[in-house]
Amino acid sequence: MAQARKQTMEDDTPQNSTPLQDSATMLKVVPDKSTFAPDMSRATVVIESNNRNFAQAIETLQSMAARKLAISFATSKGMPYAAISGVNHPYPVNSEGLVLSDVRDEHGNTLPFTDPRMKPAAYRVDIVVMRGLAL
């Protein structure tokens, strides 16, 4: 049964895809922002879109391609039978990779939207992946 599941997952993976990126959809994993539980039972995989058309980037981040990339990354890190548990809403990050809602000045105050550090450079989504049950 595990062999059949593995074969199905391999068949669903696009030829131009790796565990870290899918060049056809301009999606990539952000490994340093992705987290795994010590027992590999749960992970939050952060996916980023390289698409400069932010409306398309948001749509792609909510697609099945983003979910498959998250599963592929979790599987490559050793999570057996990885399955999607939840998907959050896409959010903007600046050129430093900071979530715009977290960008602050030296006094801890939020910055005005006209500040250059508040300009979106990309969009990301956090995809929660759980270890499935072996059949």
N, C-alpha and C. Protein backbone atom coordinates (compact mmCIF):
# COMPACT_ATOMS: atom_id res chain seq x y z
N MET A 1 0.82 -1.19 0.00
CA MET A 1 0.00 0.00 0.00
C MET A 1 0.87 1.26 0.00
N ALA A 2 1.95 1.26 0.80
CA ALA A 2 2.84 2.43 0.84
C ALA A 2 3.49 2.65 -0.52
N GLN A 3 3.84 1.56 -1.20
CA GLN A 3 4.44 1.68 -2.52
C GLN A 3 3.45 2.32 -3.49
N ALA A 4 2.19 1.94 -3.42
CA ALA A 4 1.18 2.51 -4.31
C ALA A 4 1.02 4.00 -4.03
N ARG A 5 1.01 4.39 -2.76
CA ARG A 5 0.89 5.80 -2.40
C ARG A 5 2.09 6.59 -2.91
N LYS A 6 3.29 6.02 -2.74
CA LYS A 6 4.50 6.69 -3.20
C LYS A 6 4.46 6.86 -4.71
N GLN A 7 4.06 5.85 -5.42
CA GLN A 7 3.98 5.92 -6.87
C GLN A 7 2.99 6.99 -7.32
N THR A 8 1.86 7.07 -6.65
CA THR A 8 0.84 8.07 -7.00
C THR A 8 1.39 9.47 -6.78
N MET A 9 2.08 9.70 -5.67
CA MET A 9 2.65 11.01 -5.40
C MET A 9 3.68 11.37 -6.46
N GLU A 10 4.52 10.41 -6.88
CA GLU A 10 5.52 10.68 -7.89
C GLU A 10 4.86 11.02 -9.22
N ASP A 11 3.77 10.33 -9.54
CA ASP A 11 3.09 10.59 -10.80
C ASP A 11 2.46 11.97 -10.83
N ASP A 12 2.07 12.50 -9.67
CA ASP A 12 1.42 13.81 -9.60
C ASP A 12 2.42 14.96 -9.62
N THR A 13 3.71 14.67 -9.44
CA THR A 13 4.71 15.72 -9.37
C THR A 13 5.10 16.16 -10.77
N PRO A 14 4.96 17.45 -11.08
CA PRO A 14 5.35 17.93 -12.40
C PRO A 14 6.83 17.69 -12.67
N GLN A 15 7.20 17.53 -13.92
CA GLN A 15 8.58 17.26 -14.30
C GLN A 15 9.52 18.39 -13.91
N ASN A 16 9.05 19.62 -13.87
CA ASN A 16 9.91 20.76 -13.55
C ASN A 16 9.83 21.13 -12.08
N SER A 17 9.54 20.16 -11.25
CA SER A 17 9.33 20.40 -9.84
C SER A 17 10.38 19.68 -9.01
N THR A 18 10.77 20.26 -7.88
CA THR A 18 11.66 19.63 -6.91
C THR A 18 10.99 19.81 -5.55
N PRO A 19 11.56 19.19 -4.50
CA PRO A 19 10.96 19.42 -3.18
C PRO A 19 11.02 20.88 -2.72
N LEU A 20 11.85 21.71 -3.37
CA LEU A 20 11.98 23.11 -2.95
C LEU A 20 11.32 24.12 -3.87
N GLN A 21 11.03 23.75 -5.11
CA GLN A 21 10.41 24.73 -6.01
C GLN A 21 9.67 24.06 -7.14
N ASP A 22 8.74 24.81 -7.70
CA ASP A 22 8.01 24.41 -8.89
C ASP A 22 8.11 25.57 -9.86
N SER A 23 9.00 25.46 -10.83
CA SER A 23 9.26 26.59 -11.72
C SER A 23 8.07 26.92 -12.61
N ALA A 24 7.22 25.96 -12.90
CA ALA A 24 6.06 26.23 -13.76
C ALA A 24 5.08 27.19 -13.09
N THR A 25 4.92 27.09 -11.79
CA THR A 25 3.99 27.95 -11.06
C THR A 25 4.69 29.08 -10.32
N MET A 26 6.00 29.15 -10.42
CA MET A 26 6.82 30.16 -9.74
C MET A 26 6.66 30.10 -8.22
N LEU A 27 6.52 28.89 -7.68
CA LEU A 27 6.42 28.69 -6.25
C LEU A 27 7.71 28.09 -5.72
N LYS A 28 8.06 28.46 -4.50
CA LYS A 28 9.23 27.88 -3.87
C LYS A 28 9.00 27.77 -2.37
N VAL A 29 9.66 26.80 -1.76
CA VAL A 29 9.62 26.63 -0.31
C VAL A 29 10.63 27.59 0.30
N VAL A 30 10.27 28.15 1.45
CA VAL A 30 11.19 28.99 2.23
C VAL A 30 11.64 28.12 3.41
N PRO A 31 12.74 27.36 3.22
CA PRO A 31 13.14 26.38 4.25
C PRO A 31 13.44 26.99 5.61
N ASP A 32 14.07 28.17 5.67
CA ASP A 32 14.43 28.74 6.96
C ASP A 32 13.23 29.28 7.74
N LYS A 33 12.07 29.42 7.09
CA LYS A 33 10.85 29.85 7.77
C LYS A 33 9.91 28.66 8.05
N SER A 34 10.19 27.52 7.43
CA SER A 34 9.38 26.32 7.63
C SER A 34 9.83 25.63 8.92
N THR A 35 8.87 25.06 9.65
CA THR A 35 9.19 24.42 10.93
C THR A 35 8.61 23.01 10.99
N PHE A 36 9.32 22.12 11.70
CA PHE A 36 8.90 20.74 11.88
C PHE A 36 8.92 20.39 13.36
N ALA A 37 7.91 19.63 13.80
CA ALA A 37 7.91 19.13 15.17
C ALA A 37 9.06 18.13 15.30
N PRO A 38 9.65 18.01 16.49
CA PRO A 38 10.77 17.08 16.67
C PRO A 38 10.44 15.64 16.28
N ASP A 39 9.20 15.22 16.49
CA ASP A 39 8.81 13.85 16.14
C ASP A 39 8.27 13.73 14.72
N MET A 40 8.37 14.81 13.94
CA MET A 40 7.92 14.84 12.53
C MET A 40 6.43 14.54 12.38
N SER A 41 5.64 14.85 13.40
CA SER A 41 4.20 14.62 13.33
C SER A 41 3.46 15.81 12.71
N ARG A 42 4.10 16.96 12.69
CA ARG A 42 3.45 18.18 12.22
C ARG A 42 4.52 19.14 11.68
N ALA A 43 4.14 19.89 10.66
CA ALA A 43 5.05 20.88 10.09
C ALA A 43 4.25 22.07 9.57
N THR A 44 4.87 23.21 9.54
CA THR A 44 4.34 24.37 8.85
C THR A 44 5.33 24.68 7.74
N VAL A 45 4.90 24.49 6.52
CA VAL A 45 5.75 24.71 5.36
C VAL A 45 5.37 26.06 4.76
N VAL A 46 6.36 26.93 4.62
CA VAL A 46 6.13 28.26 4.07
C VAL A 46 6.46 28.23 2.58
N ILE A 47 5.47 28.61 1.77
CA ILE A 47 5.61 28.64 0.32
C ILE A 47 5.56 30.10 -0.12
N GLU A 48 6.45 30.47 -1.05
CA GLU A 48 6.49 31.84 -1.57
C GLU A 48 6.32 31.81 -3.08
N SER A 49 5.62 32.80 -3.60
CA SER A 49 5.45 32.94 -5.04
C SER A 49 6.43 33.98 -5.56
N ASN A 50 7.10 33.66 -6.66
CA ASN A 50 8.00 34.60 -7.33
C ASN A 50 7.27 35.44 -8.37
N ASN A 51 5.96 35.26 -8.49
CA ASN A 51 5.18 35.99 -9.48
C ASN A 51 5.01 37.44 -9.03
N ARG A 52 5.43 38.38 -9.88
CA ARG A 52 5.33 39.80 -9.54
C ARG A 52 3.90 40.34 -9.71
N ASN A 53 3.05 39.58 -10.39
CA ASN A 53 1.64 39.93 -10.48
C ASN A 53 1.01 39.36 -9.20
N PHE A 54 0.80 40.22 -8.21
CA PHE A 54 0.40 39.73 -6.89
C PHE A 54 -0.96 39.05 -6.88
N ALA A 55 -1.88 39.46 -7.73
CA ALA A 55 -3.18 38.79 -7.80
C ALA A 55 -3.00 37.34 -8.24
N GLN A 56 -2.15 37.13 -9.24
CA GLN A 56 -1.87 35.76 -9.69
C GLN A 56 -1.09 34.99 -8.63
N ALA A 57 -0.18 35.67 -7.95
CA ALA A 57 0.61 35.02 -6.90
C ALA A 57 -0.30 34.49 -5.79
N ILE A 58 -1.26 35.31 -5.38
CA ILE A 58 -2.20 34.90 -4.33
C ILE A 58 -3.02 33.70 -4.78
N GLU A 59 -3.49 33.74 -6.02
CA GLU A 59 -4.27 32.63 -6.55
C GLU A 59 -3.45 31.35 -6.59
N THR A 60 -2.20 31.44 -7.02
CA THR A 60 -1.34 30.27 -7.11
C THR A 60 -1.01 29.72 -5.73
N LEU A 61 -0.82 30.60 -4.75
CA LEU A 61 -0.52 30.15 -3.39
C LEU A 61 -1.69 29.39 -2.77
N GLN A 62 -2.90 29.60 -3.27
CA GLN A 62 -4.08 28.89 -2.77
C GLN A 62 -4.38 27.65 -3.60
N SER A 63 -3.53 27.33 -4.57
CA SER A 63 -3.80 26.24 -5.50
C SER A 63 -3.32 24.88 -4.97
N MET A 64 -3.71 23.85 -5.70
CA MET A 64 -3.25 22.50 -5.38
C MET A 64 -1.74 22.38 -5.58
N ALA A 65 -1.17 23.14 -6.50
CA ALA A 65 0.27 23.09 -6.74
C ALA A 65 1.05 23.48 -5.48
N ALA A 66 0.57 24.48 -4.75
CA ALA A 66 1.22 24.90 -3.50
C ALA A 66 1.12 23.79 -2.46
N ARG A 67 -0.03 23.16 -2.37
CA ARG A 67 -0.21 22.07 -1.41
C ARG A 67 0.69 20.89 -1.75
N LYS A 68 0.79 20.54 -3.04
CA LYS A 68 1.65 19.43 -3.45
C LYS A 68 3.11 19.74 -3.16
N LEU A 69 3.52 20.99 -3.35
CA LEU A 69 4.89 21.38 -3.05
C LEU A 69 5.17 21.24 -1.55
N ALA A 70 4.21 21.62 -0.71
CA ALA A 70 4.38 21.49 0.74
C ALA A 70 4.50 20.02 1.14
N ILE A 71 3.67 19.16 0.56
CA ILE A 71 3.74 17.73 0.85
C ILE A 71 5.07 17.16 0.38
N SER A 72 5.51 17.55 -0.80
CA SER A 72 6.78 17.08 -1.34
C SER A 72 7.95 17.46 -0.44
N PHE A 73 7.93 18.70 0.05
CA PHE A 73 9.00 19.16 0.94
C PHE A 73 8.97 18.39 2.26
N ALA A 74 7.79 18.25 2.84
CA ALA A 74 7.68 17.52 4.11
C ALA A 74 8.13 16.07 3.95
N THR A 75 7.76 15.45 2.86
CA THR A 75 8.17 14.06 2.60
C THR A 75 9.68 13.99 2.44
N SER A 76 10.27 14.96 1.75
CA SER A 76 11.73 14.96 1.54
C SER A 76 12.49 15.14 2.85
N LYS A 77 11.83 15.72 3.85
CA LYS A 77 12.45 15.92 5.16
C LYS A 77 12.22 14.73 6.10
N GLY A 78 11.50 13.71 5.62
CA GLY A 78 11.32 12.50 6.41
C GLY A 78 9.96 12.33 7.05
N MET A 79 8.98 13.14 6.70
CA MET A 79 7.64 12.98 7.26
C MET A 79 6.90 11.93 6.44
N PRO A 80 6.60 10.78 7.04
CA PRO A 80 5.90 9.74 6.28
C PRO A 80 4.41 10.05 6.12
N TYR A 81 3.86 9.69 4.98
CA TYR A 81 2.42 9.84 4.70
C TYR A 81 1.93 11.27 4.95
N ALA A 82 2.71 12.24 4.54
CA ALA A 82 2.36 13.64 4.77
C ALA A 82 1.03 14.00 4.11
N ALA A 83 0.22 14.76 4.82
CA ALA A 83 -1.08 15.19 4.31
C ALA A 83 -1.36 16.62 4.80
N ILE A 84 -2.11 17.37 4.02
CA ILE A 84 -2.44 18.74 4.37
C ILE A 84 -3.42 18.76 5.53
N SER A 85 -3.13 19.61 6.52
CA SER A 85 -4.03 19.77 7.65
C SER A 85 -4.72 21.12 7.62
N GLY A 86 -4.06 22.10 7.03
CA GLY A 86 -4.67 23.42 6.96
C GLY A 86 -3.84 24.37 6.12
N VAL A 87 -4.51 25.36 5.57
CA VAL A 87 -3.84 26.37 4.76
C VAL A 87 -4.31 27.74 5.24
N ASN A 88 -3.37 28.60 5.55
CA ASN A 88 -3.71 29.95 5.96
C ASN A 88 -3.83 30.84 4.73
N HIS A 89 -4.20 32.09 4.93
CA HIS A 89 -4.33 33.02 3.83
C HIS A 89 -2.96 33.55 3.42
N PRO A 90 -2.75 33.80 2.13
CA PRO A 90 -1.49 34.40 1.68
C PRO A 90 -1.28 35.77 2.34
N TYR A 91 -0.03 36.10 2.56
CA TYR A 91 0.32 37.37 3.20
C TYR A 91 1.54 37.98 2.51
N PRO A 92 1.64 39.32 2.51
CA PRO A 92 2.78 39.97 1.84
C PRO A 92 4.01 40.02 2.74
N VAL A 93 5.17 39.95 2.10
CA VAL A 93 6.46 40.15 2.77
C VAL A 93 7.24 41.20 2.00
N ASN A 94 8.13 41.90 2.70
CA ASN A 94 8.94 42.92 2.03
C ASN A 94 10.22 42.30 1.48
N SER A 95 11.11 43.12 0.96
CA SER A 95 12.34 42.63 0.35
C SER A 95 13.28 41.98 1.37
N GLU A 96 13.06 42.24 2.65
CA GLU A 96 13.85 41.61 3.72
C GLU A 96 13.23 40.28 4.15
N GLY A 97 12.08 39.93 3.59
CA GLY A 97 11.39 38.70 3.97
C GLY A 97 10.55 38.85 5.22
N LEU A 98 10.32 40.08 5.65
CA LEU A 98 9.51 40.33 6.84
C LEU A 98 8.04 40.48 6.47
N VAL A 99 7.19 39.90 7.28
CA VAL A 99 5.75 40.07 7.10
C VAL A 99 5.45 41.55 7.33
N LEU A 100 4.69 42.16 6.41
CA LEU A 100 4.46 43.60 6.50
C LEU A 100 3.83 44.02 7.83
N SER A 101 2.98 43.20 8.38
CA SER A 101 2.34 43.56 9.65
C SER A 101 3.33 43.54 10.82
N ASP A 102 4.52 42.95 10.61
CA ASP A 102 5.54 42.89 11.67
C ASP A 102 6.63 43.95 11.52
N VAL A 103 6.62 44.73 10.45
CA VAL A 103 7.66 45.72 10.22
C VAL A 103 7.43 46.91 11.15
N ARG A 104 8.48 47.27 11.88
CA ARG A 104 8.39 48.35 12.87
C ARG A 104 9.60 49.28 12.73
N ASP A 105 9.46 50.50 13.27
CA ASP A 105 10.60 51.40 13.32
C ASP A 105 11.45 51.09 14.56
N GLU A 106 12.48 51.91 14.80
CA GLU A 106 13.40 51.66 15.92
C GLU A 106 12.72 51.79 17.28
N HIS A 107 11.53 52.40 17.33
CA HIS A 107 10.80 52.56 18.59
C HIS A 107 9.67 51.53 18.74
N GLY A 108 9.55 50.64 17.78
CA GLY A 108 8.52 49.61 17.85
C GLY A 108 7.18 50.03 17.28
N ASN A 109 7.12 51.18 16.62
CA ASN A 109 5.88 51.66 16.04
C ASN A 109 5.71 51.12 14.62
N THR A 110 4.47 50.93 14.23
CA THR A 110 4.22 50.50 12.86
C THR A 110 4.61 51.62 11.91
N LEU A 111 5.04 51.23 10.72
CA LEU A 111 5.47 52.21 9.73
C LEU A 111 4.31 52.61 8.83
N PRO A 112 4.34 53.83 8.30
CA PRO A 112 3.29 54.22 7.35
C PRO A 112 3.44 53.41 6.05
N PHE A 113 2.35 53.26 5.33
CA PHE A 113 2.39 52.49 4.09
C PHE A 113 3.29 53.10 3.03
N THR A 114 3.64 54.37 3.18
CA THR A 114 4.51 55.03 2.22
C THR A 114 5.99 54.72 2.45
N ASP A 115 6.33 54.13 3.58
CA ASP A 115 7.72 53.78 3.88
C ASP A 115 8.18 52.69 2.92
N PRO A 116 9.39 52.78 2.37
CA PRO A 116 9.89 51.76 1.43
C PRO A 116 9.91 50.34 1.99
N ARG A 117 10.06 50.20 3.31
CA ARG A 117 10.08 48.85 3.90
C ARG A 117 8.69 48.22 3.94
N MET A 118 7.65 49.03 3.66
CA MET A 118 6.27 48.51 3.66
C MET A 118 5.82 48.08 2.26
N LYS A 119 6.72 48.12 1.30
CA LYS A 119 6.39 47.73 -0.07
C LYS A 119 6.46 46.20 -0.19
N PRO A 120 5.37 45.56 -0.62
CA PRO A 120 5.41 44.11 -0.80
C PRO A 120 6.41 43.71 -1.89
N ALA A 121 7.20 42.68 -1.60
CA ALA A 121 8.15 42.15 -2.58
C ALA A 121 7.68 40.79 -3.08
N ALA A 122 6.90 40.09 -2.25
CA ALA A 122 6.41 38.75 -2.60
C ALA A 122 5.24 38.42 -1.68
N TYR A 123 4.57 37.32 -2.00
CA TYR A 123 3.52 36.79 -1.14
C TYR A 123 3.89 35.39 -0.71
N ARG A 124 3.50 35.04 0.50
CA ARG A 124 3.75 33.71 1.07
C ARG A 124 2.46 33.15 1.65
N VAL A 125 2.50 31.84 1.88
CA VAL A 125 1.41 31.17 2.58
C VAL A 125 2.02 30.10 3.48
N ASP A 126 1.43 29.91 4.67
CA ASP A 126 1.84 28.85 5.59
C ASP A 126 0.90 27.68 5.41
N ILE A 127 1.46 26.52 5.09
CA ILE A 127 0.65 25.32 4.89
C ILE A 127 1.01 24.32 5.99
N VAL A 128 0.00 23.93 6.76
CA VAL A 128 0.20 22.98 7.86
C VAL A 128 0.08 21.55 7.30
N VAL A 129 1.12 20.78 7.57
CA VAL A 129 1.17 19.40 7.09
C VAL A 129 1.28 18.49 8.31
N MET A 130 0.51 17.41 8.28
CA MET A 130 0.52 16.44 9.38
C MET A 130 0.96 15.09 8.87
N ARG A 131 1.58 14.31 9.76
CA ARG A 131 1.91 12.94 9.43
C ARG A 131 0.63 12.12 9.42
N GLY A 132 0.41 11.41 8.33
CA GLY A 132 -0.78 10.58 8.22
C GLY A 132 -0.59 9.26 8.94
N LEU A 133 -1.66 8.50 9.01
CA LEU A 133 -1.61 7.19 9.62
C LEU A 133 -1.21 6.16 8.57
N ALA A 134 -0.33 5.26 8.96
CA ALA A 134 0.06 4.18 8.06
C ALA A 134 -1.13 3.23 7.91
N LEU A 135 -1.33 2.79 6.70
CA LEU A 135 -2.46 1.88 6.44
C LEU A 135 -2.02 0.44 6.53
